Amino acid sequence: MQWRRWEDLLRSASPDGQDVLLDGRAPLPGQIIKFPNLAKTFRALAEHGKDGFYRGRIAEAIVEIIKSKGGVMELEDLAKHTSSFVEPIKYTYAGEVTVFEVSLARLPRGPVVLRPTIVL
């Protein structure tokens, strides 16, 4: 029921906040909710890859919501974004379970994150 506690925030977080609610309320267990705008977003990503996110409709929506909340971002900021793939740190426990950790900030914290698993 955590979702219900955040209804007001979900409604006000973006112009499309109602899209994640069912008739304006958090869905109850067992109720079915559809996310057509999210589906449209996933289709754009599937068809256009990263350009489907960093350029066009999705980028425009990101910039619009950030600016509406007092933030500073331009379409050019997203269009100039670059990413790189990083090999994750991994540890296999007992030859059965492999745990992966990717440091998004590229900080050397991987061993610290995996240490509790190694202690097992």
PDB file of N, CA and C in Angstrom:
ATOM      1  N   MET A   1       0.809  -1.206   0.000  1.00  0.00           N
ATOM      2  CA  MET A   1       0.000   0.000   0.000  1.00  0.00           C
ATOM      3  C   MET A   1       0.853   1.272   0.000  1.00  0.00           C
ATOM      4  N   GLN A   2       2.165   1.115  -0.137  1.00  0.00           N
ATOM      5  CA  GLN A   2       3.047   2.273  -0.188  1.00  0.00           C
ATOM      6  C   GLN A   2       2.622   3.250  -1.283  1.00  0.00           C
ATOM      7  N   TRP A   3       2.160   2.697  -2.391  1.00  0.00           N
ATOM      8  CA  TRP A   3       1.782   3.523  -3.527  1.00  0.00           C
ATOM      9  C   TRP A   3       0.729   4.540  -3.106  1.00  0.00           C
ATOM     10  N   ARG A   4      -0.241   4.115  -2.324  1.00  0.00           N
ATOM     11  CA  ARG A   4      -1.336   4.992  -1.903  1.00  0.00           C
ATOM     12  C   ARG A   4      -0.810   6.186  -1.095  1.00  0.00           C
ATOM     13  N   ARG A   5       0.243   5.955  -0.303  1.00  0.00           N
ATOM     14  CA  ARG A   5       0.806   7.039   0.511  1.00  0.00           C
ATOM     15  C   ARG A   5       1.377   8.158  -0.342  1.00  0.00           C
ATOM     16  N   TRP A   6       1.707   7.872  -1.579  1.00  0.00           N
ATOM     17  CA  TRP A   6       2.367   8.851  -2.441  1.00  0.00           C
ATOM     18  C   TRP A   6       1.462   9.402  -3.538  1.00  0.00           C
ATOM     19  N   GLU A   7       0.157   9.194  -3.434  1.00  0.00           N
ATOM     20  CA  GLU A   7      -0.764   9.648  -4.488  1.00  0.00           C
ATOM     21  C   GLU A   7      -0.613  11.136  -4.798  1.00  0.00           C
ATOM     22  N   ASP A   8      -0.592  11.979  -3.764  1.00  0.00           N
ATOM     23  CA  ASP A   8      -0.508  13.428  -3.988  1.00  0.00           C
ATOM     24  C   ASP A   8       0.784  13.801  -4.708  1.00  0.00           C
ATOM     25  N   LEU A   9       1.889  13.198  -4.286  1.00  0.00           N
ATOM     26  CA  LEU A   9       3.166  13.476  -4.939  1.00  0.00           C
ATOM     27  C   LEU A   9       3.132  13.014  -6.391  1.00  0.00           C
ATOM     28  N   LEU A  10       2.572  11.833  -6.644  1.00  0.00           N
ATOM     29  CA  LEU A  10       2.486  11.331  -8.018  1.00  0.00           C
ATOM     30  C   LEU A  10       1.654  12.268  -8.889  1.00  0.00           C
ATOM     31  N   ARG A  11       0.563  12.790  -8.349  1.00  0.00           N
ATOM     32  CA  ARG A  11      -0.287  13.711  -9.106  1.00  0.00           C
ATOM     33  C   ARG A  11       0.441  15.003  -9.454  1.00  0.00           C
ATOM     34  N   SER A  12       1.251  15.500  -8.515  1.00  0.00           N
ATOM     35  CA  SER A  12       1.880  16.808  -8.703  1.00  0.00           C
ATOM     36  C   SER A  12       3.282  16.748  -9.306  1.00  0.00           C
ATOM     37  N   ALA A  13       3.876  15.581  -9.395  1.00  0.00           N
ATOM     38  CA  ALA A  13       5.260  15.466  -9.846  1.00  0.00           C
ATOM     39  C   ALA A  13       5.449  15.874 -11.297  1.00  0.00           C
ATOM     40  N   SER A  14       4.451  15.675 -12.109  1.00  0.00           N
ATOM     41  CA  SER A  14       4.568  16.058 -13.514  1.00  0.00           C
ATOM     42  C   SER A  14       3.171  16.281 -14.081  1.00  0.00           C
ATOM     43  N   PRO A  15       3.101  16.906 -15.242  1.00  0.00           N
ATOM     44  CA  PRO A  15       1.794  17.112 -15.868  1.00  0.00           C
ATOM     45  C   PRO A  15       1.087  15.787 -16.170  1.00  0.00           C
ATOM     46  N   ASP A  16       1.872  14.709 -16.274  1.00  0.00           N
ATOM     47  CA  ASP A  16       1.311  13.392 -16.581  1.00  0.00           C
ATOM     48  C   ASP A  16       1.202  12.510 -15.346  1.00  0.00           C
ATOM     49  N   GLY A  17       1.227  13.106 -14.166  1.00  0.00           N
ATOM     50  CA  GLY A  17       1.171  12.341 -12.932  1.00  0.00           C
ATOM     51  C   GLY A  17      -0.036  11.427 -12.836  1.00  0.00           C
ATOM     52  N   GLN A  18      -1.130  11.841 -13.422  1.00  0.00           N
ATOM     53  CA  GLN A  18      -2.342  11.010 -13.417  1.00  0.00           C
ATOM     54  C   GLN A  18      -2.134   9.700 -14.175  1.00  0.00           C
ATOM     55  N   ASP A  19      -1.151   9.675 -15.059  1.00  0.00           N
ATOM     56  CA  ASP A  19      -0.909   8.477 -15.870  1.00  0.00           C
ATOM     57  C   ASP A  19      -0.503   7.261 -15.045  1.00  0.00           C
ATOM     58  N   VAL A  20       0.015   7.485 -13.833  1.00  0.00           N
ATOM     59  CA  VAL A  20       0.443   6.355 -13.013  1.00  0.00           C
ATOM     60  C   VAL A  20      -0.592   6.004 -11.943  1.00  0.00           C
ATOM     61  N   LEU A  21      -1.774   6.602 -12.062  1.00  0.00           N
ATOM     62  CA  LEU A  21      -2.866   6.313 -11.130  1.00  0.00           C
ATOM     63  C   LEU A  21      -4.035   5.714 -11.895  1.00  0.00           C
ATOM     64  N   LEU A  22      -4.916   5.065 -11.194  1.00  0.00           N
ATOM     65  CA  LEU A  22      -6.094   4.448 -11.793  1.00  0.00           C
ATOM     66  C   LEU A  22      -7.305   5.244 -11.336  1.00  0.00           C
ATOM     67  N   ASP A  23      -7.901   5.972 -12.269  1.00  0.00           N
ATOM     68  CA  ASP A  23      -9.026   6.850 -11.933  1.00  0.00           C
ATOM     69  C   ASP A  23      -8.655   7.804 -10.802  1.00  0.00           C
ATOM     70  N   GLY A  24      -7.422   8.334 -10.843  1.00  0.00           N
ATOM     71  CA  GLY A  24      -6.976   9.305  -9.868  1.00  0.00           C
ATOM     72  C   GLY A  24      -6.512   8.743  -8.540  1.00  0.00           C
ATOM     73  N   ARG A  25      -6.502   7.431  -8.385  1.00  0.00           N
ATOM     74  CA  ARG A  25      -6.107   6.793  -7.128  1.00  0.00           C
ATOM     75  C   ARG A  25      -5.069   5.703  -7.401  1.00  0.00           C
ATOM     76  N   ALA A  26      -4.337   5.352  -6.366  1.00  0.00           N
ATOM     77  CA  ALA A  26      -3.409   4.234  -6.483  1.00  0.00           C
ATOM     78  C   ALA A  26      -4.221   2.958  -6.662  1.00  0.00           C
ATOM     79  N   PRO A  27      -3.794   2.071  -7.551  1.00  0.00           N
ATOM     80  CA  PRO A  27      -4.537   0.826  -7.736  1.00  0.00           C
ATOM     81  C   PRO A  27      -4.442  -0.055  -6.495  1.00  0.00           C
ATOM     82  N   LEU A  28      -5.464  -0.808  -6.276  1.00  0.00           N
ATOM     83  CA  LEU A  28      -5.492  -1.765  -5.166  1.00  0.00           C
ATOM     84  C   LEU A  28      -4.879  -3.079  -5.640  1.00  0.00           C
ATOM     85  N   PRO A  29      -4.436  -3.906  -4.703  1.00  0.00           N
ATOM     86  CA  PRO A  29      -3.898  -5.214  -5.110  1.00  0.00           C
ATOM     87  C   PRO A  29      -4.916  -5.961  -5.979  1.00  0.00           C
ATOM     88  N   GLY A  30      -4.427  -6.477  -7.103  1.00  0.00           N
ATOM     89  CA  GLY A  30      -5.285  -7.222  -8.017  1.00  0.00           C
ATOM     90  C   GLY A  30      -5.885  -6.385  -9.135  1.00  0.00           C
ATOM     91  N   GLN A  31      -5.901  -5.073  -8.980  1.00  0.00           N
ATOM     92  CA  GLN A  31      -6.425  -4.217 -10.055  1.00  0.00           C
ATOM     93  C   GLN A  31      -5.384  -4.100 -11.160  1.00  0.00           C
ATOM     94  N   ILE A  32      -5.866  -3.954 -12.369  1.00  0.00           N
ATOM     95  CA  ILE A  32      -4.982  -3.833 -13.528  1.00  0.00           C
ATOM     96  C   ILE A  32      -4.908  -2.369 -13.930  1.00  0.00           C
ATOM     97  N   ILE A  33      -3.682  -1.903 -14.137  1.00  0.00           N
ATOM     98  CA  ILE A  33      -3.469  -0.536 -14.593  1.00  0.00           C
ATOM     99  C   ILE A  33      -2.601  -0.588 -15.846  1.00  0.00           C
ATOM    100  N   LYS A  34      -2.920   0.242 -16.801  1.00  0.00           N
ATOM    101  CA  LYS A  34      -2.156   0.310 -18.042  1.00  0.00           C
ATOM    102  C   LYS A  34      -1.419   1.636 -18.093  1.00  0.00           C
ATOM    103  N   PHE A  35      -0.249   1.617 -18.720  1.00  0.00           N
ATOM    104  CA  PHE A  35       0.571   2.806 -18.856  1.00  0.00           C
ATOM    105  C   PHE A  35       0.831   3.087 -20.335  1.00  0.00           C
ATOM    106  N   PRO A  36      -0.154   3.632 -21.067  1.00  0.00           N
ATOM    107  CA  PRO A  36       0.035   3.843 -22.513  1.00  0.00           C
ATOM    108  C   PRO A  36       1.166   4.813 -22.845  1.00  0.00           C
ATOM    109  N   ASN A  37       1.355   5.857 -22.055  1.00  0.00           N
ATOM    110  CA  ASN A  37       2.466   6.785 -22.344  1.00  0.00           C
ATOM    111  C   ASN A  37       3.813   6.123 -22.108  1.00  0.00           C
ATOM    112  N   LEU A  38       3.914   5.288 -21.094  1.00  0.00           N
ATOM    113  CA  LEU A  38       5.150   4.553 -20.853  1.00  0.00           C
ATOM    114  C   LEU A  38       5.416   3.572 -21.999  1.00  0.00           C
ATOM    115  N   ALA A  39       4.363   2.928 -22.476  1.00  0.00           N
ATOM    116  CA  ALA A  39       4.498   2.016 -23.617  1.00  0.00           C
ATOM    117  C   ALA A  39       4.998   2.778 -24.856  1.00  0.00           C
ATOM    118  N   LYS A  40       4.452   3.975 -25.059  1.00  0.00           N
ATOM    119  CA  LYS A  40       4.871   4.819 -26.191  1.00  0.00           C
ATOM    120  C   LYS A  40       6.356   5.195 -26.054  1.00  0.00           C
ATOM    121  N   THR A  41       6.777   5.470 -24.819  1.00  0.00           N
ATOM    122  CA  THR A  41       8.176   5.797 -24.557  1.00  0.00           C
ATOM    123  C   THR A  41       9.076   4.598 -24.862  1.00  0.00           C
ATOM    124  N   PHE A  42       8.681   3.416 -24.393  1.00  0.00           N
ATOM    125  CA  PHE A  42       9.470   2.209 -24.660  1.00  0.00           C
ATOM    126  C   PHE A  42       9.562   1.927 -26.158  1.00  0.00           C
ATOM    127  N   ARG A  43       8.459   2.164 -26.883  1.00  0.00           N
ATOM    128  CA  ARG A  43       8.492   1.968 -28.340  1.00  0.00           C
ATOM    129  C   ARG A  43       9.498   2.913 -28.990  1.00  0.00           C
ATOM    130  N   ALA A  44       9.511   4.170 -28.548  1.00  0.00           N
ATOM    131  CA  ALA A  44      10.456   5.153 -29.102  1.00  0.00           C
ATOM    132  C   ALA A  44      11.893   4.723 -28.819  1.00  0.00           C
ATOM    133  N   LEU A  45      12.153   4.216 -27.630  1.00  0.00           N
ATOM    134  CA  LEU A  45      13.504   3.751 -27.299  1.00  0.00           C
ATOM    135  C   LEU A  45      13.887   2.537 -28.137  1.00  0.00           C
ATOM    136  N   ALA A  46      12.942   1.622 -28.329  1.00  0.00           N
ATOM    137  CA  ALA A  46      13.214   0.428 -29.131  1.00  0.00           C
ATOM    138  C   ALA A  46      13.482   0.789 -30.589  1.00  0.00           C
ATOM    139  N   GLU A  47      12.743   1.761 -31.101  1.00  0.00           N
ATOM    140  CA  GLU A  47      12.878   2.138 -32.512  1.00  0.00           C
ATOM    141  C   GLU A  47      14.081   3.041 -32.775  1.00  0.00           C
ATOM    142  N   HIS A  48      14.399   3.928 -31.824  1.00  0.00           N
ATOM    143  CA  HIS A  48      15.420   4.950 -32.082  1.00  0.00           C
ATOM    144  C   HIS A  48      16.636   4.873 -31.168  1.00  0.00           C
ATOM    145  N   GLY A  49      16.677   3.889 -30.282  1.00  0.00           N
ATOM    146  CA  GLY A  49      17.826   3.760 -29.386  1.00  0.00           C
ATOM    147  C   GLY A  49      17.989   4.980 -28.501  1.00  0.00           C
ATOM    148  N   LYS A  50      19.248   5.314 -28.199  1.00  0.00           N
ATOM    149  CA  LYS A  50      19.483   6.428 -27.286  1.00  0.00           C
ATOM    150  C   LYS A  50      18.996   7.761 -27.844  1.00  0.00           C
ATOM    151  N   ASP A  51      18.963   7.912 -29.173  1.00  0.00           N
ATOM    152  CA  ASP A  51      18.416   9.142 -29.746  1.00  0.00           C
ATOM    153  C   ASP A  51      16.929   9.280 -29.433  1.00  0.00           C
ATOM    154  N   GLY A  52      16.264   8.158 -29.219  1.00  0.00           N
ATOM    155  CA  GLY A  52      14.860   8.199 -28.828  1.00  0.00           C
ATOM    156  C   GLY A  52      14.664   8.781 -27.443  1.00  0.00           C
ATOM    157  N   PHE A  53      15.727   8.816 -26.651  1.00  0.00           N
ATOM    158  CA  PHE A  53      15.661   9.383 -25.305  1.00  0.00           C
ATOM    159  C   PHE A  53      16.246  10.792 -25.263  1.00  0.00           C
ATOM    160  N   TYR A  54      17.423  10.970 -25.847  1.00  0.00           N
ATOM    161  CA  TYR A  54      18.157  12.227 -25.728  1.00  0.00           C
ATOM    162  C   TYR A  54      17.754  13.280 -26.754  1.00  0.00           C
ATOM    163  N   ARG A  55      16.907  12.928 -27.691  1.00  0.00           N
ATOM    164  CA  ARG A  55      16.429  13.870 -28.707  1.00  0.00           C
ATOM    165  C   ARG A  55      14.938  13.618 -28.927  1.00  0.00           C
ATOM    166  N   GLY A  56      14.235  14.581 -29.411  1.00  0.00           N
ATOM    167  CA  GLY A  56      12.833  14.378 -29.753  1.00  0.00           C
ATOM    168  C   GLY A  56      11.869  14.487 -28.575  1.00  0.00           C
ATOM    169  N   ARG A  57      10.743  13.780 -28.675  1.00  0.00           N
ATOM    170  CA  ARG A  57       9.620  13.897 -27.749  1.00  0.00           C
ATOM    171  C   ARG A  57      10.015  13.679 -26.291  1.00  0.00           C
ATOM    172  N   ILE A  58      10.783  12.648 -26.015  1.00  0.00           N
ATOM    173  CA  ILE A  58      11.144  12.340 -24.636  1.00  0.00           C
ATOM    174  C   ILE A  58      12.059  13.430 -24.079  1.00  0.00           C
ATOM    175  N   ALA A  59      13.055  13.834 -24.838  1.00  0.00           N
ATOM    176  CA  ALA A  59      13.962  14.901 -24.395  1.00  0.00           C
ATOM    177  C   ALA A  59      13.189  16.187 -24.147  1.00  0.00           C
ATOM    178  N   GLU A  60      12.268  16.513 -25.031  1.00  0.00           N
ATOM    179  CA  GLU A  60      11.458  17.725 -24.857  1.00  0.00           C
ATOM    180  C   GLU A  60      10.649  17.654 -23.564  1.00  0.00           C
ATOM    181  N   ALA A  61      10.079  16.495 -23.262  1.00  0.00           N
ATOM    182  CA  ALA A  61       9.292  16.335 -22.036  1.00  0.00           C
ATOM    183  C   ALA A  61      10.184  16.463 -20.797  1.00  0.00           C
ATOM    184  N   ILE A  62      11.388  15.907 -20.865  1.00  0.00           N
ATOM    185  CA  ILE A  62      12.327  15.995 -19.730  1.00  0.00           C
ATOM    186  C   ILE A  62      12.687  17.459 -19.462  1.00  0.00           C
ATOM    187  N   VAL A  63      13.063  18.168 -20.500  1.00  0.00           N
ATOM    188  CA  VAL A  63      13.449  19.574 -20.348  1.00  0.00           C
ATOM    189  C   VAL A  63      12.264  20.395 -19.841  1.00  0.00           C
ATOM    190  N   GLU A  64      11.093  20.144 -20.362  1.00  0.00           N
ATOM    191  CA  GLU A  64       9.898  20.890 -19.947  1.00  0.00           C
ATOM    192  C   GLU A  64       9.603  20.699 -18.459  1.00  0.00           C
ATOM    193  N   ILE A  65       9.643  19.473 -17.983  1.00  0.00           N
ATOM    194  CA  ILE A  65       9.332  19.224 -16.575  1.00  0.00           C
ATOM    195  C   ILE A  65      10.415  19.798 -15.669  1.00  0.00           C
ATOM    196  N   ILE A  66      11.678  19.687 -16.062  1.00  0.00           N
ATOM    197  CA  ILE A  66      12.762  20.248 -15.250  1.00  0.00           C
ATOM    198  C   ILE A  66      12.621  21.766 -15.147  1.00  0.00           C
ATOM    199  N   LYS A  67      12.336  22.408 -16.274  1.00  0.00           N
ATOM    200  CA  LYS A  67      12.163  23.862 -16.258  1.00  0.00           C
ATOM    201  C   LYS A  67      10.928  24.263 -15.444  1.00  0.00           C
ATOM    202  N   SER A  68       9.863  23.486 -15.525  1.00  0.00           N
ATOM    203  CA  SER A  68       8.640  23.817 -14.784  1.00  0.00           C
ATOM    204  C   SER A  68       8.840  23.733 -13.275  1.00  0.00           C
ATOM    205  N   LYS A  69       9.852  22.983 -12.849  1.00  0.00           N
ATOM    206  CA  LYS A  69      10.163  22.841 -11.423  1.00  0.00           C
ATOM    207  C   LYS A  69      11.308  23.760 -10.994  1.00  0.00           C
ATOM    208  N   GLY A  70      11.688  24.709 -11.892  1.00  0.00           N
ATOM    209  CA  GLY A  70      12.726  25.672 -11.552  1.00  0.00           C
ATOM    210  C   GLY A  70      14.134  25.244 -11.939  1.00  0.00           C
ATOM    211  N   GLY A  71      14.252  24.114 -12.596  1.00  0.00           N
ATOM    212  CA  GLY A  71      15.558  23.629 -12.996  1.00  0.00           C
ATOM    213  C   GLY A  71      16.065  24.303 -14.257  1.00  0.00           C
ATOM    214  N   VAL A  72      17.310  24.034 -14.578  1.00  0.00           N
ATOM    215  CA  VAL A  72      17.939  24.630 -15.753  1.00  0.00           C
ATOM    216  C   VAL A  72      18.455  23.501 -16.634  1.00  0.00           C
ATOM    217  N   MET A  73      17.856  23.351 -17.783  1.00  0.00           N
ATOM    218  CA  MET A  73      18.304  22.352 -18.756  1.00  0.00           C
ATOM    219  C   MET A  73      17.777  22.754 -20.120  1.00  0.00           C
ATOM    220  N   GLU A  74      18.567  22.478 -21.134  1.00  0.00           N
ATOM    221  CA  GLU A  74      18.174  22.756 -22.511  1.00  0.00           C
ATOM    222  C   GLU A  74      18.237  21.460 -23.311  1.00  0.00           C
ATOM    223  N   LEU A  75      17.534  21.425 -24.425  1.00  0.00           N
ATOM    224  CA  LEU A  75      17.576  20.248 -25.301  1.00  0.00           C
ATOM    225  C   LEU A  75      19.013  19.934 -25.709  1.00  0.00           C
ATOM    226  N   GLU A  76      19.799  20.964 -25.910  1.00  0.00           N
ATOM    227  CA  GLU A  76      21.189  20.776 -26.310  1.00  0.00           C
ATOM    228  C   GLU A  76      21.976  19.989 -25.252  1.00  0.00           C
ATOM    229  N   ASP A  77      21.627  20.184 -23.976  1.00  0.00           N
ATOM    230  CA  ASP A  77      22.306  19.452 -22.901  1.00  0.00           C
ATOM    231  C   ASP A  77      22.106  17.953 -23.063  1.00  0.00           C
ATOM    232  N   LEU A  78      20.892  17.552 -23.348  1.00  0.00           N
ATOM    233  CA  LEU A  78      20.606  16.127 -23.540  1.00  0.00           C
ATOM    234  C   LEU A  78      21.223  15.617 -24.835  1.00  0.00           C
ATOM    235  N   ALA A  79      21.132  16.414 -25.890  1.00  0.00           N
ATOM    236  CA  ALA A  79      21.665  15.990 -27.190  1.00  0.00           C
ATOM    237  C   ALA A  79      23.180  15.770 -27.136  1.00  0.00           C
ATOM    238  N   LYS A  80      23.873  16.499 -26.274  1.00  0.00           N
ATOM    239  CA  LYS A  80      25.334  16.374 -26.168  1.00  0.00           C
ATOM    240  C   LYS A  80      25.759  15.250 -25.231  1.00  0.00           C
ATOM    241  N   HIS A  81      24.819  14.634 -24.543  1.00  0.00           N
ATOM    242  CA  HIS A  81      25.169  13.597 -23.564  1.00  0.00           C
ATOM    243  C   HIS A  81      25.845  12.405 -24.236  1.00  0.00           C
ATOM    244  N   THR A  82      26.866  11.884 -23.569  1.00  0.00           N
ATOM    245  CA  THR A  82      27.509  10.663 -24.041  1.00  0.00           C
ATOM    246  C   THR A  82      27.540   9.653 -22.893  1.00  0.00           C
ATOM    247  N   SER A  83      27.539   8.413 -23.245  1.00  0.00           N
ATOM    248  CA  SER A  83      27.586   7.327 -22.265  1.00  0.00           C
ATOM    249  C   SER A  83      28.640   6.326 -22.694  1.00  0.00           C
ATOM    250  N   SER A  84      29.087   5.548 -21.739  1.00  0.00           N
ATOM    251  CA  SER A  84      29.988   4.461 -22.074  1.00  0.00           C
ATOM    252  C   SER A  84      29.616   3.251 -21.239  1.00  0.00           C
ATOM    253  N   PHE A  85      29.892   2.087 -21.770  1.00  0.00           N
ATOM    254  CA  PHE A  85      29.608   0.858 -21.047  1.00  0.00           C
ATOM    255  C   PHE A  85      30.792   0.533 -20.158  1.00  0.00           C
ATOM    256  N   VAL A  86      30.499   0.131 -18.947  1.00  0.00           N
ATOM    257  CA  VAL A  86      31.530  -0.196 -17.971  1.00  0.00           C
ATOM    258  C   VAL A  86      31.361  -1.663 -17.589  1.00  0.00           C
ATOM    259  N   GLU A  87      32.464  -2.386 -17.593  1.00  0.00           N
ATOM    260  CA  GLU A  87      32.430  -3.785 -17.178  1.00  0.00           C
ATOM    261  C   GLU A  87      32.094  -3.834 -15.687  1.00  0.00           C
ATOM    262  N   PRO A  88      31.023  -4.533 -15.296  1.00  0.00           N
ATOM    263  CA  PRO A  88      30.660  -4.561 -13.881  1.00  0.00           C
ATOM    264  C   PRO A  88      31.626  -5.406 -13.053  1.00  0.00           C
ATOM    265  N   ILE A  89      31.726  -5.042 -11.793  1.00  0.00           N
ATOM    266  CA  ILE A  89      32.477  -5.862 -10.843  1.00  0.00           C
ATOM    267  C   ILE A  89      31.556  -7.014 -10.491  1.00  0.00           C
ATOM    268  N   LYS A  90      32.099  -8.233 -10.385  1.00  0.00           N
ATOM    269  CA  LYS A  90      31.219  -9.354 -10.062  1.00  0.00           C
ATOM    270  C   LYS A  90      31.900 -10.305  -9.097  1.00  0.00           C
ATOM    271  N   TYR A  91      31.070 -11.017  -8.364  1.00  0.00           N
ATOM    272  CA  TYR A  91      31.544 -12.028  -7.434  1.00  0.00           C
ATOM    273  C   TYR A  91      30.584 -13.202  -7.498  1.00  0.00           C
ATOM    274  N   THR A  92      31.120 -14.404  -7.647  1.00  0.00           N
ATOM    275  CA  THR A  92      30.280 -15.602  -7.673  1.00  0.00           C
ATOM    276  C   THR A  92      30.401 -16.305  -6.328  1.00  0.00           C
ATOM    277  N   TYR A  93      29.276 -16.473  -5.680  1.00  0.00           N
ATOM    278  CA  TYR A  93      29.217 -17.095  -4.359  1.00  0.00           C
ATOM    279  C   TYR A  93      28.881 -18.577  -4.495  1.00  0.00           C
ATOM    280  N   ALA A  94      29.691 -19.408  -3.893  1.00  0.00           N
ATOM    281  CA  ALA A  94      29.472 -20.857  -3.842  1.00  0.00           C
ATOM    282  C   ALA A  94      29.285 -21.468  -5.228  1.00  0.00           C
ATOM    283  N   GLY A  95      29.823 -20.810  -6.247  1.00  0.00           N
ATOM    284  CA  GLY A  95      29.714 -21.330  -7.600  1.00  0.00           C
ATOM    285  C   GLY A  95      28.301 -21.320  -8.157  1.00  0.00           C
ATOM    286  N   GLU A  96      27.370 -20.683  -7.446  1.00  0.00           N
ATOM    287  CA  GLU A  96      25.962 -20.716  -7.860  1.00  0.00           C
ATOM    288  C   GLU A  96      25.354 -19.353  -8.141  1.00  0.00           C
ATOM    289  N   VAL A  97      25.676 -18.373  -7.330  1.00  0.00           N
ATOM    290  CA  VAL A  97      25.033 -17.058  -7.444  1.00  0.00           C
ATOM    291  C   VAL A  97      26.092 -16.021  -7.778  1.00  0.00           C
ATOM    292  N   THR A  98      25.858 -15.286  -8.854  1.00  0.00           N
ATOM    293  CA  THR A  98      26.779 -14.221  -9.225  1.00  0.00           C
ATOM    294  C   THR A  98      26.120 -12.881  -8.950  1.00  0.00           C
ATOM    295  N   VAL A  99      26.837 -12.033  -8.226  1.00  0.00           N
ATOM    296  CA  VAL A  99      26.351 -10.696  -7.899  1.00  0.00           C
ATOM    297  C   VAL A  99      27.157  -9.704  -8.723  1.00  0.00           C
ATOM    298  N   PHE A 100      26.456  -8.774  -9.377  1.00  0.00           N
ATOM    299  CA  PHE A 100      27.097  -7.747 -10.191  1.00  0.00           C
ATOM    300  C   PHE A 100      26.890  -6.391  -9.544  1.00  0.00           C
ATOM    301  N   GLU A 101      27.871  -5.509  -9.680  1.00  0.00           N
ATOM    302  CA  GLU A 101      27.762  -4.155  -9.180  1.00  0.00           C
ATOM    303  C   GLU A 101      28.389  -3.226 -10.195  1.00  0.00           C
ATOM    304  N   VAL A 102      27.633  -2.209 -10.593  1.00  0.00           N
ATOM    305  CA  VAL A 102      28.148  -1.212 -11.516  1.00  0.00           C
ATOM    306  C   VAL A 102      28.153   0.118 -10.782  1.00  0.00           C
ATOM    307  N   SER A 103      29.286   0.756 -10.719  1.00  0.00           N
ATOM    308  CA  SER A 103      29.389   2.053 -10.068  1.00  0.00           C
ATOM    309  C   SER A 103      29.093   3.126 -11.097  1.00  0.00           C
ATOM    310  N   LEU A 104      27.916   3.730 -10.991  1.00  0.00           N
ATOM    311  CA  LEU A 104      27.532   4.758 -11.948  1.00  0.00           C
ATOM    312  C   LEU A 104      28.388   6.003 -11.823  1.00  0.00           C
ATOM    313  N   ALA A 105      28.872   6.262 -10.635  1.00  0.00           N
ATOM    314  CA  ALA A 105      29.703   7.440 -10.410  1.00  0.00           C
ATOM    315  C   ALA A 105      31.179   7.142 -10.639  1.00  0.00           C
ATOM    316  N   ARG A 106      31.488   5.919 -11.031  1.00  0.00           N
ATOM    317  CA  ARG A 106      32.868   5.488 -11.269  1.00  0.00           C
ATOM    318  C   ARG A 106      33.734   5.656 -10.020  1.00  0.00           C
ATOM    319  N   LEU A 107      33.108   5.493  -8.866  1.00  0.00           N
ATOM    320  CA  LEU A 107      33.853   5.550  -7.620  1.00  0.00           C
ATOM    321  C   LEU A 107      34.335   4.142  -7.279  1.00  0.00           C
ATOM    322  N   PRO A 108      35.451   4.021  -6.618  1.00  0.00           N
ATOM    323  CA  PRO A 108      35.973   2.685  -6.299  1.00  0.00           C
ATOM    324  C   PRO A 108      35.265   2.082  -5.092  1.00  0.00           C
ATOM    325  N   ARG A 109      33.955   1.906  -5.205  1.00  0.00           N
ATOM    326  CA  ARG A 109      33.197   1.360  -4.083  1.00  0.00           C
ATOM    327  C   ARG A 109      32.730  -0.055  -4.324  1.00  0.00           C
ATOM    328  N   GLY A 110      32.974  -0.587  -5.500  1.00  0.00           N
ATOM    329  CA  GLY A 110      32.520  -1.933  -5.833  1.00  0.00           C
ATOM    330  C   GLY A 110      32.897  -2.980  -4.814  1.00  0.00           C
ATOM    331  N   PRO A 111      34.168  -3.054  -4.420  1.00  0.00           N
ATOM    332  CA  PRO A 111      34.537  -4.066  -3.417  1.00  0.00           C
ATOM    333  C   PRO A 111      33.804  -3.875  -2.097  1.00  0.00           C
ATOM    334  N   VAL A 112      33.544  -2.626  -1.710  1.00  0.00           N
ATOM    335  CA  VAL A 112      32.824  -2.365  -0.462  1.00  0.00           C
ATOM    336  C   VAL A 112      31.390  -2.868  -0.570  1.00  0.00           C
ATOM    337  N   VAL A 113      30.763  -2.658  -1.717  1.00  0.00           N
ATOM    338  CA  VAL A 113      29.396  -3.112  -1.921  1.00  0.00           C
ATOM    339  C   VAL A 113      29.327  -4.631  -1.915  1.00  0.00           C
ATOM    340  N   LEU A 114      30.301  -5.291  -2.527  1.00  0.00           N
ATOM    341  CA  LEU A 114      30.276  -6.744  -2.641  1.00  0.00           C
ATOM    342  C   LEU A 114      30.794  -7.456  -1.395  1.00  0.00           C
ATOM    343  N   ARG A 115      31.494  -6.762  -0.524  1.00  0.00           N
ATOM    344  CA  ARG A 115      32.097  -7.416   0.632  1.00  0.00           C
ATOM    345  C   ARG A 115      31.100  -8.206   1.480  1.00  0.00           C
ATOM    346  N   PRO A 116      29.905  -7.672   1.800  1.00  0.00           N
ATOM    347  CA  PRO A 116      28.969  -8.472   2.592  1.00  0.00           C
ATOM    348  C   PRO A 116      28.635  -9.820   1.941  1.00  0.00           C
ATOM    349  N   THR A 117      28.602  -9.846   0.624  1.00  0.00           N
ATOM    350  CA  THR A 117      28.325 -11.081  -0.089  1.00  0.00           C
ATOM    351  C   THR A 117      29.501 -12.036   0.066  1.00  0.00           C
ATOM    352  N   ILE A 118      30.713 -11.518  -0.006  1.00  0.00           N
ATOM    353  CA  ILE A 118      31.904 -12.351   0.097  1.00  0.00           C
ATOM    354  C   ILE A 118      31.999 -12.954   1.492  1.00  0.00           C
ATOM    355  N   VAL A 119      31.579 -12.209   2.515  1.00  0.00           N
ATOM    356  CA  VAL A 119      31.636 -12.682   3.885  1.00  0.00           C
ATOM    357  C   VAL A 119      30.716 -13.882   4.084  1.00  0.00           C
ATOM    358  N   LEU A 120      29.623 -13.934   3.336  1.00  0.00           N
ATOM    359  CA  LEU A 120      28.700 -15.068   3.438  1.00  0.00           C
ATOM    360  C   LEU A 120      29.431 -16.358   3.200  1.00  0.00           C
TER     361      LEU A 120
END
